[in-house]
Structure formats: C-alpha cells, structure tokens
Amino acid sequence: MGNFKGWEILVILVLLLVLFGAKRLPDAARGLGRSLRIFKSEIKEMRDEDAPAAAPVKRETPPAAPPALETRPATTDEAPARAPEPEVRER
C-alpha cells in the first residue's frame, strides 16, 4: 500500500474530487480527522485503564546509610573518654 507512485496518488485524488466534489472534500477530511482523534483517545483511555494492573511492583529502597561520624585522632593533651567509675561505699 505504501508503494504508490506520484501519478497513482494524483489519479486517486482526481477520483475523490469527482466523486465527492470540491465543496464536500474538506468537510469529509475534517470529519475523518475528528473520528481518528476520538478513536485514538479511546484507545489511549483503554490502555490507561489496563496499565495499573500491568505495572511492575514498586520496590522499597533501603534506607540511606547514616552519615559517617567524624573521627579525629586523640592528641597527647586529651585523654581518651572513659566511662565514669562507680562509687565504692565503705560499710
């Protein structure tokens, strides 16, 4: 169907002009365009209705790693942090 040559397209256009007349051809083309637009929108609507059922399952992303704690080497002036020693009570 896509192998029309220039003269074949011209013959088809002349036949359409003779059959429908110059005044009715634009109206017919406009009506055909409207029909195609409606048809396309209906097809799209049908696809949109089916899309949620066929959509892939959404995977949860793992939580982001907590930011790295800043570590700095202890200087000679600072003693490493220690847990407080428990008080010893004498009886």
PDB file of N, CA and C in Angstrom:
ATOM      1  N   MET A   1       0.823  -1.193   0.000  1.00  0.00           N
ATOM      2  CA  MET A   1       0.000   0.000   0.000  1.00  0.00           C
ATOM      3  C   MET A   1       0.867   1.258   0.000  1.00  0.00           C
ATOM      4  N   GLY A   2       2.061   1.168   0.555  1.00  0.00           N
ATOM      5  CA  GLY A   2       2.929   2.330   0.616  1.00  0.00           C
ATOM      6  C   GLY A   2       3.790   2.487  -0.618  1.00  0.00           C
ATOM      7  N   ASN A   3       3.533   1.697  -1.669  1.00  0.00           N
ATOM      8  CA  ASN A   3       4.356   1.764  -2.872  1.00  0.00           C
ATOM      9  C   ASN A   3       3.686   2.567  -3.976  1.00  0.00           C
ATOM     10  N   PHE A   4       2.897   3.579  -3.620  1.00  0.00           N
ATOM     11  CA  PHE A   4       2.246   4.405  -4.636  1.00  0.00           C
ATOM     12  C   PHE A   4       3.275   5.328  -5.261  1.00  0.00           C
ATOM     13  N   LYS A   5       3.114   5.521  -6.562  1.00  0.00           N
ATOM     14  CA  LYS A   5       3.966   6.473  -7.276  1.00  0.00           C
ATOM     15  C   LYS A   5       3.192   7.775  -7.404  1.00  0.00           C
ATOM     16  N   GLY A   6       3.836   8.807  -7.832  1.00  0.00           N
ATOM     17  CA  GLY A   6       3.220  10.130  -7.915  1.00  0.00           C
ATOM     18  C   GLY A   6       1.968  10.159  -8.763  1.00  0.00           C
ATOM     19  N   TRP A   7       1.972   9.517  -9.910  1.00  0.00           N
ATOM     20  CA  TRP A   7       0.799   9.568 -10.788  1.00  0.00           C
ATOM     21  C   TRP A   7      -0.368   8.778 -10.213  1.00  0.00           C
ATOM     22  N   GLU A   8      -0.076   7.704  -9.422  1.00  0.00           N
ATOM     23  CA  GLU A   8      -1.164   6.926  -8.815  1.00  0.00           C
ATOM     24  C   GLU A   8      -1.886   7.744  -7.751  1.00  0.00           C
ATOM     25  N   ILE A   9      -1.143   8.489  -6.978  1.00  0.00           N
ATOM     26  CA  ILE A   9      -1.752   9.361  -5.961  1.00  0.00           C
ATOM     27  C   ILE A   9      -2.596  10.436  -6.640  1.00  0.00           C
ATOM     28  N   LEU A  10      -2.106  10.976  -7.749  1.00  0.00           N
ATOM     29  CA  LEU A  10      -2.832  12.008  -8.480  1.00  0.00           C
ATOM     30  C   LEU A  10      -4.160  11.457  -9.014  1.00  0.00           C
ATOM     31  N   VAL A  11      -4.160  10.231  -9.527  1.00  0.00           N
ATOM     32  CA  VAL A  11      -5.385   9.616 -10.040  1.00  0.00           C
ATOM     33  C   VAL A  11      -6.391   9.421  -8.903  1.00  0.00           C
ATOM     34  N   ILE A  12      -5.925   8.989  -7.747  1.00  0.00           N
ATOM     35  CA  ILE A  12      -6.818   8.790  -6.600  1.00  0.00           C
ATOM     36  C   ILE A  12      -7.430  10.119  -6.172  1.00  0.00           C
ATOM     37  N   LEU A  13      -6.631  11.171  -6.125  1.00  0.00           N
ATOM     38  CA  LEU A  13      -7.153  12.486  -5.729  1.00  0.00           C
ATOM     39  C   LEU A  13      -8.189  13.003  -6.730  1.00  0.00           C
ATOM     40  N   VAL A  14      -7.948  12.792  -8.014  1.00  0.00           N
ATOM     41  CA  VAL A  14      -8.912  13.234  -9.036  1.00  0.00           C
ATOM     42  C   VAL A  14     -10.214  12.444  -8.882  1.00  0.00           C
ATOM     43  N   LEU A  15     -10.120  11.147  -8.633  1.00  0.00           N
ATOM     44  CA  LEU A  15     -11.340  10.344  -8.433  1.00  0.00           C
ATOM     45  C   LEU A  15     -12.131  10.821  -7.221  1.00  0.00           C
ATOM     46  N   LEU A  16     -11.445  11.114  -6.124  1.00  0.00           N
ATOM     47  CA  LEU A  16     -12.133  11.631  -4.938  1.00  0.00           C
ATOM     48  C   LEU A  16     -12.806  12.966  -5.232  1.00  0.00           C
ATOM     49  N   LEU A  17     -12.128  13.817  -5.981  1.00  0.00           N
ATOM     50  CA  LEU A  17     -12.682  15.126  -6.327  1.00  0.00           C
ATOM     51  C   LEU A  17     -13.936  14.970  -7.182  1.00  0.00           C
ATOM     52  N   VAL A  18     -13.901  14.041  -8.110  1.00  0.00           N
ATOM     53  CA  VAL A  18     -15.063  13.816  -8.985  1.00  0.00           C
ATOM     54  C   VAL A  18     -16.221  13.210  -8.192  1.00  0.00           C
ATOM     55  N   LEU A  19     -15.913  12.248  -7.328  1.00  0.00           N
ATOM     56  CA  LEU A  19     -16.982  11.571  -6.582  1.00  0.00           C
ATOM     57  C   LEU A  19     -17.654  12.475  -5.559  1.00  0.00           C
ATOM     58  N   PHE A  20     -16.856  13.209  -4.802  1.00  0.00           N
ATOM     59  CA  PHE A  20     -17.427  13.988  -3.697  1.00  0.00           C
ATOM     60  C   PHE A  20     -17.594  15.465  -4.012  1.00  0.00           C
ATOM     61  N   GLY A  21     -16.887  16.000  -4.941  1.00  0.00           N
ATOM     62  CA  GLY A  21     -16.978  17.408  -5.262  1.00  0.00           C
ATOM     63  C   GLY A  21     -16.020  18.222  -4.405  1.00  0.00           C
ATOM     64  N   ALA A  22     -15.652  19.376  -4.913  1.00  0.00           N
ATOM     65  CA  ALA A  22     -14.655  20.227  -4.252  1.00  0.00           C
ATOM     66  C   ALA A  22     -15.169  20.774  -2.928  1.00  0.00           C
ATOM     67  N   LYS A  23     -16.474  20.963  -2.839  1.00  0.00           N
ATOM     68  CA  LYS A  23     -17.024  21.565  -1.617  1.00  0.00           C
ATOM     69  C   LYS A  23     -17.112  20.554  -0.470  1.00  0.00           C
ATOM     70  N   ARG A  24     -17.341  19.290  -0.773  1.00  0.00           N
ATOM     71  CA  ARG A  24     -17.548  18.296   0.278  1.00  0.00           C
ATOM     72  C   ARG A  24     -16.245  17.654   0.754  1.00  0.00           C
ATOM     73  N   LEU A  25     -15.186  17.720  -0.029  1.00  0.00           N
ATOM     74  CA  LEU A  25     -13.928  17.083   0.369  1.00  0.00           C
ATOM     75  C   LEU A  25     -13.350  17.648   1.666  1.00  0.00           C
ATOM     76  N   PRO A  26     -13.278  18.969   1.853  1.00  0.00           N
ATOM     77  CA  PRO A  26     -12.747  19.478   3.133  1.00  0.00           C
ATOM     78  C   PRO A  26     -13.589  19.042   4.328  1.00  0.00           C
ATOM     79  N   ASP A  27     -14.903  19.014   4.155  1.00  0.00           N
ATOM     80  CA  ASP A  27     -15.781  18.567   5.248  1.00  0.00           C
ATOM     81  C   ASP A  27     -15.550  17.085   5.558  1.00  0.00           C
ATOM     82  N   ALA A  28     -15.382  16.284   4.513  1.00  0.00           N
ATOM     83  CA  ALA A  28     -15.135  14.858   4.707  1.00  0.00           C
ATOM     84  C   ALA A  28     -13.791  14.635   5.406  1.00  0.00           C
ATOM     85  N   ALA A  29     -12.786  15.385   5.005  1.00  0.00           N
ATOM     86  CA  ALA A  29     -11.460  15.256   5.634  1.00  0.00           C
ATOM     87  C   ALA A  29     -11.520  15.692   7.099  1.00  0.00           C
ATOM     88  N   ARG A  30     -12.255  16.756   7.362  1.00  0.00           N
ATOM     89  CA  ARG A  30     -12.396  17.233   8.740  1.00  0.00           C
ATOM     90  C   ARG A  30     -13.101  16.194   9.599  1.00  0.00           C
ATOM     91  N   GLY A  31     -14.159  15.600   9.074  1.00  0.00           N
ATOM     92  CA  GLY A  31     -14.889  14.561   9.798  1.00  0.00           C
ATOM     93  C   GLY A  31     -14.024  13.334  10.043  1.00  0.00           C
ATOM     94  N   LEU A  32     -13.220  12.962   9.055  1.00  0.00           N
ATOM     95  CA  LEU A  32     -12.320  11.831   9.213  1.00  0.00           C
ATOM     96  C   LEU A  32     -11.275  12.126  10.289  1.00  0.00           C
ATOM     97  N   GLY A  33     -10.764  13.348  10.306  1.00  0.00           N
ATOM     98  CA  GLY A  33      -9.784  13.740  11.329  1.00  0.00           C
ATOM     99  C   GLY A  33     -10.378  13.683  12.724  1.00  0.00           C
ATOM    100  N   ARG A  34     -11.593  14.163  12.882  1.00  0.00           N
ATOM    101  CA  ARG A  34     -12.270  14.106  14.189  1.00  0.00           C
ATOM    102  C   ARG A  34     -12.466  12.660  14.641  1.00  0.00           C
ATOM    103  N   SER A  35     -12.905  11.832  13.693  1.00  0.00           N
ATOM    104  CA  SER A  35     -13.124  10.420  14.028  1.00  0.00           C
ATOM    105  C   SER A  35     -11.833   9.751  14.474  1.00  0.00           C
ATOM    106  N   LEU A  36     -10.743  10.037  13.781  1.00  0.00           N
ATOM    107  CA  LEU A  36      -9.453   9.455  14.160  1.00  0.00           C
ATOM    108  C   LEU A  36      -8.997   9.937  15.535  1.00  0.00           C
ATOM    109  N   ARG A  37      -9.216  11.227  15.827  1.00  0.00           N
ATOM    110  CA  ARG A  37      -8.846  11.751  17.148  1.00  0.00           C
ATOM    111  C   ARG A  37      -9.636  11.062  18.251  1.00  0.00           C
ATOM    112  N   ILE A  38     -10.924  10.878  18.046  1.00  0.00           N
ATOM    113  CA  ILE A  38     -11.768  10.205  19.035  1.00  0.00           C
ATOM    114  C   ILE A  38     -11.312   8.761  19.212  1.00  0.00           C
ATOM    115  N   PHE A  39     -11.020   8.101  18.096  1.00  0.00           N
ATOM    116  CA  PHE A  39     -10.567   6.720  18.153  1.00  0.00           C
ATOM    117  C   PHE A  39      -9.259   6.613  18.931  1.00  0.00           C
ATOM    118  N   LYS A  40      -8.310   7.505  18.667  1.00  0.00           N
ATOM    119  CA  LYS A  40      -7.028   7.490  19.385  1.00  0.00           C
ATOM    120  C   LYS A  40      -7.234   7.720  20.879  1.00  0.00           C
ATOM    121  N   SER A  41      -8.095   8.669  21.238  1.00  0.00           N
ATOM    122  CA  SER A  41      -8.304   8.951  22.659  1.00  0.00           C
ATOM    123  C   SER A  41      -8.951   7.761  23.360  1.00  0.00           C
ATOM    124  N   GLU A  42      -9.850   7.062  22.677  1.00  0.00           N
ATOM    125  CA  GLU A  42     -10.479   5.886  23.277  1.00  0.00           C
ATOM    126  C   GLU A  42      -9.462   4.766  23.476  1.00  0.00           C
ATOM    127  N   ILE A  43      -8.585   4.573  22.503  1.00  0.00           N
ATOM    128  CA  ILE A  43      -7.540   3.544  22.623  1.00  0.00           C
ATOM    129  C   ILE A  43      -6.616   3.888  23.781  1.00  0.00           C
ATOM    130  N   LYS A  44      -6.238   5.162  23.892  1.00  0.00           N
ATOM    131  CA  LYS A  44      -5.355   5.588  24.989  1.00  0.00           C
ATOM    132  C   LYS A  44      -6.035   5.380  26.339  1.00  0.00           C
ATOM    133  N   GLU A  45      -7.310   5.683  26.408  1.00  0.00           N
ATOM    134  CA  GLU A  45      -8.068   5.507  27.644  1.00  0.00           C
ATOM    135  C   GLU A  45      -8.117   4.030  28.052  1.00  0.00           C
ATOM    136  N   MET A  46      -8.296   3.154  27.073  1.00  0.00           N
ATOM    137  CA  MET A  46      -8.313   1.724  27.362  1.00  0.00           C
ATOM    138  C   MET A  46      -6.949   1.255  27.864  1.00  0.00           C
ATOM    139  N   ARG A  47      -5.879   1.763  27.286  1.00  0.00           N
ATOM    140  CA  ARG A  47      -4.531   1.393  27.731  1.00  0.00           C
ATOM    141  C   ARG A  47      -4.276   1.903  29.146  1.00  0.00           C
ATOM    142  N   ASP A  48      -4.742   3.106  29.433  1.00  0.00           N
ATOM    143  CA  ASP A  48      -4.535   3.674  30.771  1.00  0.00           C
ATOM    144  C   ASP A  48      -5.284   2.872  31.840  1.00  0.00           C
ATOM    145  N   GLU A  49      -6.452   2.347  31.484  1.00  0.00           N
ATOM    146  CA  GLU A  49      -7.210   1.533  32.442  1.00  0.00           C
ATOM    147  C   GLU A  49      -6.496   0.224  32.731  1.00  0.00           C
ATOM    148  N   ASP A  50      -5.834  -0.341  31.732  1.00  0.00           N
ATOM    149  CA  ASP A  50      -5.124  -1.608  31.903  1.00  0.00           C
ATOM    150  C   ASP A  50      -3.754  -1.421  32.516  1.00  0.00           C
ATOM    151  N   ALA A  51      -3.195  -0.245  32.453  1.00  0.00           N
ATOM    152  CA  ALA A  51      -1.823   0.000  32.893  1.00  0.00           C
ATOM    153  C   ALA A  51      -1.593  -0.295  34.377  1.00  0.00           C
ATOM    154  N   PRO A  52      -2.453   0.097  35.323  1.00  0.00           N
ATOM    155  CA  PRO A  52      -2.154  -0.179  36.728  1.00  0.00           C
ATOM    156  C   PRO A  52      -2.043  -1.672  37.032  1.00  0.00           C
ATOM    157  N   ALA A  53      -2.818  -2.504  36.372  1.00  0.00           N
ATOM    158  CA  ALA A  53      -2.747  -3.936  36.627  1.00  0.00           C
ATOM    159  C   ALA A  53      -1.446  -4.519  36.104  1.00  0.00           C
ATOM    160  N   ALA A  54      -0.919  -3.967  35.040  1.00  0.00           N
ATOM    161  CA  ALA A  54       0.293  -4.496  34.433  1.00  0.00           C
ATOM    162  C   ALA A  54       1.548  -3.774  34.921  1.00  0.00           C
ATOM    163  N   ALA A  55       1.386  -2.784  35.787  1.00  0.00           N
ATOM    164  CA  ALA A  55       2.545  -2.015  36.255  1.00  0.00           C
ATOM    165  C   ALA A  55       3.413  -2.885  37.157  1.00  0.00           C
ATOM    166  N   PRO A  56       4.733  -2.722  37.073  1.00  0.00           N
ATOM    167  CA  PRO A  56       5.611  -3.512  37.942  1.00  0.00           C
ATOM    168  C   PRO A  56       5.441  -3.113  39.399  1.00  0.00           C
ATOM    169  N   VAL A  57       5.724  -4.042  40.288  1.00  0.00           N
ATOM    170  CA  VAL A  57       5.600  -3.794  41.717  1.00  0.00           C
ATOM    171  C   VAL A  57       6.703  -2.836  42.135  1.00  0.00           C
ATOM    172  N   LYS A  58       6.326  -1.829  42.871  1.00  0.00           N
ATOM    173  CA  LYS A  58       7.300  -0.844  43.317  1.00  0.00           C
ATOM    174  C   LYS A  58       8.103  -1.423  44.473  1.00  0.00           C
ATOM    175  N   ARG A  59       9.399  -1.397  44.327  1.00  0.00           N
ATOM    176  CA  ARG A  59      10.264  -1.915  45.382  1.00  0.00           C
ATOM    177  C   ARG A  59      10.664  -0.782  46.307  1.00  0.00           C
ATOM    178  N   GLU A  60      10.730  -1.122  47.580  1.00  0.00           N
ATOM    179  CA  GLU A  60      11.155  -0.109  48.534  1.00  0.00           C
ATOM    180  C   GLU A  60      12.663  -0.015  48.496  1.00  0.00           C
ATOM    181  N   THR A  61      13.151   1.199  48.552  1.00  0.00           N
ATOM    182  CA  THR A  61      14.594   1.384  48.561  1.00  0.00           C
ATOM    183  C   THR A  61      15.085   1.258  49.993  1.00  0.00           C
ATOM    184  N   PRO A  62      16.252   0.674  50.180  1.00  0.00           N
ATOM    185  CA  PRO A  62      16.768   0.556  51.543  1.00  0.00           C
ATOM    186  C   PRO A  62      17.077   1.941  52.101  1.00  0.00           C
ATOM    187  N   PRO A  63      16.978   2.096  53.413  1.00  0.00           N
ATOM    188  CA  PRO A  63      17.247   3.409  53.987  1.00  0.00           C
ATOM    189  C   PRO A  63      18.695   3.801  53.730  1.00  0.00           C
ATOM    190  N   ALA A  64      18.892   5.073  53.631  1.00  0.00           N
ATOM    191  CA  ALA A  64      20.235   5.582  53.381  1.00  0.00           C
ATOM    192  C   ALA A  64      21.104   5.338  54.607  1.00  0.00           C
ATOM    193  N   ALA A  65      22.373   5.107  54.370  1.00  0.00           N
ATOM    194  CA  ALA A  65      23.311   4.877  55.468  1.00  0.00           C
ATOM    195  C   ALA A  65      23.460   6.171  56.260  1.00  0.00           C
ATOM    196  N   PRO A  66      23.580   6.055  57.588  1.00  0.00           N
ATOM    197  CA  PRO A  66      23.745   7.272  58.373  1.00  0.00           C
ATOM    198  C   PRO A  66      25.077   7.924  58.011  1.00  0.00           C
ATOM    199  N   PRO A  67      25.151   9.227  58.159  1.00  0.00           N
ATOM    200  CA  PRO A  67      26.398   9.906  57.826  1.00  0.00           C
ATOM    201  C   PRO A  67      27.529   9.395  58.723  1.00  0.00           C
ATOM    202  N   ALA A  68      28.697   9.323  58.161  1.00  0.00           N
ATOM    203  CA  ALA A  68      29.855   8.822  58.906  1.00  0.00           C
ATOM    204  C   ALA A  68      30.177   9.773  60.051  1.00  0.00           C
ATOM    205  N   LEU A  69      30.502   9.181  61.201  1.00  0.00           N
ATOM    206  CA  LEU A  69      30.877  10.006  62.346  1.00  0.00           C
ATOM    207  C   LEU A  69      32.284  10.537  62.124  1.00  0.00           C
ATOM    208  N   GLU A  70      32.453  11.735  62.539  1.00  0.00           N
ATOM    209  CA  GLU A  70      33.767  12.341  62.362  1.00  0.00           C
ATOM    210  C   GLU A  70      34.702  11.774  63.419  1.00  0.00           C
ATOM    211  N   THR A  71      35.764  11.225  62.974  1.00  0.00           N
ATOM    212  CA  THR A  71      36.756  10.707  63.921  1.00  0.00           C
ATOM    213  C   THR A  71      38.027  11.518  63.757  1.00  0.00           C
ATOM    214  N   ARG A  72      38.603  11.813  64.871  1.00  0.00           N
ATOM    215  CA  ARG A  72      39.873  12.535  64.826  1.00  0.00           C
ATOM    216  C   ARG A  72      40.800  11.875  65.836  1.00  0.00           C
ATOM    217  N   PRO A  73      42.033  11.833  65.515  1.00  0.00           N
ATOM    218  CA  PRO A  73      42.971  11.176  66.439  1.00  0.00           C
ATOM    219  C   PRO A  73      43.090  11.961  67.743  1.00  0.00           C
ATOM    220  N   ALA A  74      43.263  11.232  68.812  1.00  0.00           N
ATOM    221  CA  ALA A  74      43.423  11.886  70.123  1.00  0.00           C
ATOM    222  C   ALA A  74      44.804  12.516  70.189  1.00  0.00           C
ATOM    223  N   THR A  75      44.827  13.694  70.754  1.00  0.00           N
ATOM    224  CA  THR A  75      46.129  14.353  70.926  1.00  0.00           C
ATOM    225  C   THR A  75      46.695  13.962  72.280  1.00  0.00           C
ATOM    226  N   THR A  76      47.911  14.278  72.509  1.00  0.00           N
ATOM    227  CA  THR A  76      48.542  13.925  73.780  1.00  0.00           C
ATOM    228  C   THR A  76      47.925  14.688  74.934  1.00  0.00           C
ATOM    229  N   ASP A  77      47.340  15.831  74.672  1.00  0.00           N
ATOM    230  CA  ASP A  77      46.725  16.629  75.723  1.00  0.00           C
ATOM    231  C   ASP A  77      45.389  16.035  76.176  1.00  0.00           C
ATOM    232  N   GLU A  78      44.761  15.308  75.312  1.00  0.00           N
ATOM    233  CA  GLU A  78      43.437  14.781  75.634  1.00  0.00           C
ATOM    234  C   GLU A  78      43.549  13.321  76.017  1.00  0.00           C
ATOM    235  N   ALA A  79      42.858  12.979  77.036  1.00  0.00           N
ATOM    236  CA  ALA A  79      42.792  11.581  77.446  1.00  0.00           C
ATOM    237  C   ALA A  79      41.602  10.965  76.738  1.00  0.00           C
ATOM    238  N   PRO A  80      41.684   9.706  76.414  1.00  0.00           N
ATOM    239  CA  PRO A  80      40.526   9.080  75.774  1.00  0.00           C
ATOM    240  C   PRO A  80      39.338   9.095  76.726  1.00  0.00           C
ATOM    241  N   ALA A  81      38.186   9.217  76.181  1.00  0.00           N
ATOM    242  CA  ALA A  81      36.975   9.273  77.001  1.00  0.00           C
ATOM    243  C   ALA A  81      36.765   7.923  77.668  1.00  0.00           C
ATOM    244  N   ARG A  82      36.435   7.986  78.981  1.00  0.00           N
ATOM    245  CA  ARG A  82      36.193   6.770  79.744  1.00  0.00           C
ATOM    246  C   ARG A  82      34.824   6.854  80.376  1.00  0.00           C
ATOM    247  N   ALA A  83      34.301   5.687  80.651  1.00  0.00           N
ATOM    248  CA  ALA A  83      33.038   5.631  81.369  1.00  0.00           C
ATOM    249  C   ALA A  83      33.317   5.977  82.826  1.00  0.00           C
ATOM    250  N   PRO A  84      32.417   6.659  83.483  1.00  0.00           N
ATOM    251  CA  PRO A  84      32.649   7.011  84.889  1.00  0.00           C
ATOM    252  C   PRO A  84      32.721   5.752  85.753  1.00  0.00           C
ATOM    253  N   GLU A  85      33.659   5.773  86.699  1.00  0.00           N
ATOM    254  CA  GLU A  85      33.840   4.615  87.590  1.00  0.00           C
ATOM    255  C   GLU A  85      32.753   4.669  88.681  1.00  0.00           C
ATOM    256  N   PRO A  86      32.226   3.519  89.053  1.00  0.00           N
ATOM    257  CA  PRO A  86      31.192   3.517  90.101  1.00  0.00           C
ATOM    258  C   PRO A  86      31.798   3.876  91.433  1.00  0.00           C
ATOM    259  N   GLU A  87      31.012   4.535  92.240  1.00  0.00           N
ATOM    260  CA  GLU A  87      31.487   4.924  93.586  1.00  0.00           C
ATOM    261  C   GLU A  87      31.494   3.693  94.463  1.00  0.00           C
ATOM    262  N   VAL A  88      32.553   3.606  95.273  1.00  0.00           N
ATOM    263  CA  VAL A  88      32.659   2.482  96.195  1.00  0.00           C
ATOM    264  C   VAL A  88      32.331   3.024  97.583  1.00  0.00           C
ATOM    265  N   ARG A  89      31.359   2.409  98.252  1.00  0.00           N
ATOM    266  CA  ARG A  89      30.956   2.863  99.559  1.00  0.00           C
ATOM    267  C   ARG A  89      31.508   1.887 100.597  1.00  0.00           C
ATOM    268  N   GLU A  90      32.030   2.408 101.637  1.00  0.00           N
ATOM    269  CA  GLU A  90      32.531   1.565 102.724  1.00  0.00           C
ATOM    270  C   GLU A  90      31.454   1.421 103.773  1.00  0.00           C
ATOM    271  N   ARG A  91      31.419   0.227 104.397  1.00  0.00           N
ATOM    272  CA  ARG A  91      30.428  -0.003 105.441  1.00  0.00           C
ATOM    273  C   ARG A  91      31.019   0.029 106.778  1.00  0.00           C
TER     274      ARG A  91
END
